[in-house]
Structures are given as structure tokens and as C-alpha cells.
C-alpha atoms as a PDB file:
ATOM      1  CA  MET A   1      69.054 116.920 112.854  1.00  0.00           C
ATOM      2  CA  LYS A   2      72.476 117.286 109.868  1.00  0.00           C
ATOM      3  CA  LEU A   3      74.717 113.469 109.713  1.00  0.00           C
ATOM      4  CA  LYS A   4      78.299 113.364 109.476  1.00  0.00           C
ATOM      5  CA  THR A   5      79.067 111.547 105.860  1.00  0.00           C
ATOM      6  CA  SER A   6      81.117 109.201 108.173  1.00  0.00           C
ATOM      7  CA  SER A   7      78.423 108.186 110.157  1.00  0.00           C
ATOM      8  CA  LEU A   8      75.658 107.972 106.809  1.00  0.00           C
ATOM      9  CA  ILE A   9      79.217 105.371 106.100  1.00  0.00           C
ATOM     10  CA  SER A  10      78.462 103.675 108.572  1.00  0.00           C
ATOM     11  CA  ILE A  11      75.093 103.223 108.810  1.00  0.00           C
ATOM     12  CA  ALA A  12      75.364 101.495 105.556  1.00  0.00           C
ATOM     13  CA  ILE A  13      77.893  99.560 106.126  1.00  0.00           C
ATOM     14  CA  CYS A  14      75.546  97.956 108.913  1.00  0.00           C
ATOM     15  CA  VAL A  15      72.605  98.148 106.280  1.00  0.00           C
ATOM     16  CA  LEU A  16      74.813  95.634 103.563  1.00  0.00           C
ATOM     17  CA  MET A  17      75.647  93.839 106.617  1.00  0.00           C
ATOM     18  CA  LEU A  18      72.595  92.402 107.017  1.00  0.00           C
ATOM     19  CA  VAL A  19      71.883  92.092 103.799  1.00  0.00           C
ATOM     20  CA  ILE A  20      74.365  89.771 103.394  1.00  0.00           C
ATOM     21  CA  PHE A  21      74.154  88.035 106.698  1.00  0.00           C
ATOM     22  CA  VAL A  22      70.675  87.254 107.420  1.00  0.00           C
ATOM     23  CA  GLN A  23      69.946  84.991 105.001  1.00  0.00           C
ATOM     24  CA  GLN A  24      66.733  83.880 104.393  1.00  0.00           C
ATOM     25  CA  PRO A  25      65.037  81.147 103.110  1.00  0.00           C
ATOM     26  CA  ALA A  26      63.937  81.370  99.025  1.00  0.00           C
ATOM     27  CA  MET A  27      61.762  78.835  98.845  1.00  0.00           C
ATOM     28  CA  ALA A  28      62.857  77.921  95.180  1.00  0.00           C
ATOM     29  CA  TYR A  29      63.132  75.038  92.914  1.00  0.00           C
ATOM     30  CA  VAL A  30      65.452  75.063  90.424  1.00  0.00           C
ATOM     31  CA  GLY A  31      64.497  71.705  88.406  1.00  0.00           C
ATOM     32  CA  PRO A  32      67.762  69.589  86.405  1.00  0.00           C
ATOM     33  CA  GLY A  33      66.708  71.657  82.908  1.00  0.00           C
ATOM     34  CA  THR A  34      68.003  74.743  84.516  1.00  0.00           C
ATOM     35  CA  GLY A  35      70.879  73.296  85.202  1.00  0.00           C
ATOM     36  CA  ILE A  36      71.007  71.336  81.425  1.00  0.00           C
ATOM     37  CA  ALA A  37      70.703  75.062  80.125  1.00  0.00           C
ATOM     38  CA  ALA A  38      73.197  77.215  83.064  1.00  0.00           C
ATOM     39  CA  LEU A  39      75.850  74.526  82.118  1.00  0.00           C
ATOM     40  CA  GLY A  40      75.013  75.250  77.923  1.00  0.00           C
ATOM     41  CA  ALA A  41      75.503  78.671  78.642  1.00  0.00           C
ATOM     42  CA  LEU A  42      78.904  77.925  80.579  1.00  0.00           C
ATOM     43  CA  ILE A  43      79.988  76.095  77.696  1.00  0.00           C
ATOM     44  CA  ALA A  44      79.130  78.542  75.263  1.00  0.00           C
ATOM     45  CA  ILE A  45      81.522  81.042  77.285  1.00  0.00           C
ATOM     46  CA  ILE A  46      83.946  79.375  77.454  1.00  0.00           C
ATOM     47  CA  VAL A  47      84.022  78.695  74.141  1.00  0.00           C
ATOM     48  CA  GLY A  48      83.253  81.673  72.594  1.00  0.00           C
ATOM     49  CA  VAL A  49      86.401  82.690  74.683  1.00  0.00           C
ATOM     50  CA  ILE A  50      88.897  80.295  72.571  1.00  0.00           C
ATOM     51  CA  ALA A  51      87.601  81.505  69.654  1.00  0.00           C
ATOM     52  CA  ALA A  52      87.993  84.513  69.743  1.00  0.00           C
ATOM     53  CA  LEU A  53      91.728  84.335  71.288  1.00  0.00           C
ATOM     54  CA  PHE A  54      92.528  82.191  68.737  1.00  0.00           C
ATOM     55  CA  GLY A  55      91.015  84.865  66.102  1.00  0.00           C
ATOM     56  CA  PHE A  56      92.653  86.993  67.452  1.00  0.00           C
ATOM     57  CA  LEU A  57      96.047  85.562  67.890  1.00  0.00           C
ATOM     58  CA  TRP A  58      96.312  82.630  65.984  1.00  0.00           C
ATOM     59  CA  PHE A  59      95.086  84.171  62.768  1.00  0.00           C
ATOM     60  CA  PRO A  60      97.647  87.503  62.721  1.00  0.00           C
ATOM     61  CA  LEU A  61     100.769  84.756  63.838  1.00  0.00           C
ATOM     62  CA  LYS A  62      99.736  82.371  60.937  1.00  0.00           C
ATOM     63  CA  ARG A  63      99.656  86.169  58.134  1.00  0.00           C
ATOM     64  CA  LEU A  64     103.445  86.946  59.885  1.00  0.00           C
ATOM     65  CA  MET A  65     104.484  83.508  59.810  1.00  0.00           C
ATOM     66  CA  LYS A  66     103.618  83.358  55.652  1.00  0.00           C
ATOM     67  CA  LYS A  67     105.218  86.948  54.992  1.00  0.00           C
ATOM     68  CA  ARG A  68     108.125  85.435  57.087  1.00  0.00           C
ATOM     69  CA  GLN A  69     108.546  82.829  54.851  1.00  0.00           C
ATOM     70  CA  GLN A  70     107.582  84.209  51.543  1.00  0.00           C
ATOM     71  CA  ALA A  71     110.641  86.439  52.978  1.00  0.00           C
ATOM     72  CA  ALA A  72     113.197  83.604  53.110  1.00  0.00           C
ATOM     73  CA  SER A  73     112.107  82.303  49.944  1.00  0.00           C
ATOM     74  CA  LYS A  74     112.577  85.904  48.003  1.00  0.00           C
ATOM     75  CA  ASP A  75     116.360  85.592  50.360  1.00  0.00           C
ATOM     76  CA  VAL A  76     116.813  82.520  48.122  1.00  0.00           C
ATOM     77  CA  LYS A  77     115.914  82.891  45.479  1.00  0.00           C
ATOM     78  CA  GLU A  78     118.136  86.169  44.954  1.00  0.00           C
ATOM     79  CA  ARG A  79     121.459  84.522  46.336  1.00  0.00           C
ATOM     80  CA  GLU A  80     120.489  81.386  43.279  1.00  0.00           C
ATOM     81  CA  GLU A  81     120.119  84.410  40.822  1.00  0.00           C
ATOM     82  CA  GLU A  82     123.349  85.858  42.235  1.00  0.00           C
ATOM     83  CA  ARG A  83     125.373  82.643  41.854  1.00  0.00           C
ATOM     84  CA  VAL A  84     124.297  81.779  38.403  1.00  0.00           C
END
């Protein structure tokens, strides 16, 4: 007996729905130390993302602004030398 692809997909969807919606109690204890560790890991991830964004965005912008300031000061010096 050969099953069609559509019937296999419908069986897989039914099994997935059973796994998702039929829940059993876990009978597990999560202590306060685990919660604090999870909170610390979450804070570390957030700080890491912010530091990465800061490093990838701020430092190139800072270098660009420094180059513009140097070019502007160079132009000002050239104009002053032309006046003299």
C-alpha cells in the first residue's frame, strides 16, 4: 500500500498538533538560582548586542567625522594662506 504525499503531510500535521496541544506536567523544579542565571545570561546577550552595534556603527562614524574635520581644517588653512 502506497501513501500519497498529501496524506503523509496530513498525518505529520496531525502528529504535530497532538504534540503541541496535548501537554503533560513536567514535574520539574526550577530553583531561584536557575532563574538568576537565566536573567544574567539574558542581560549578557543584550549587552553583547549593544556593544557589537556600538563597535560596528560608532567607530566607523567617528573615523568619518574625524576625516571630515581634518579636511575642513585643511581647507581653512589653505584659504588663509591664499589671503596672505
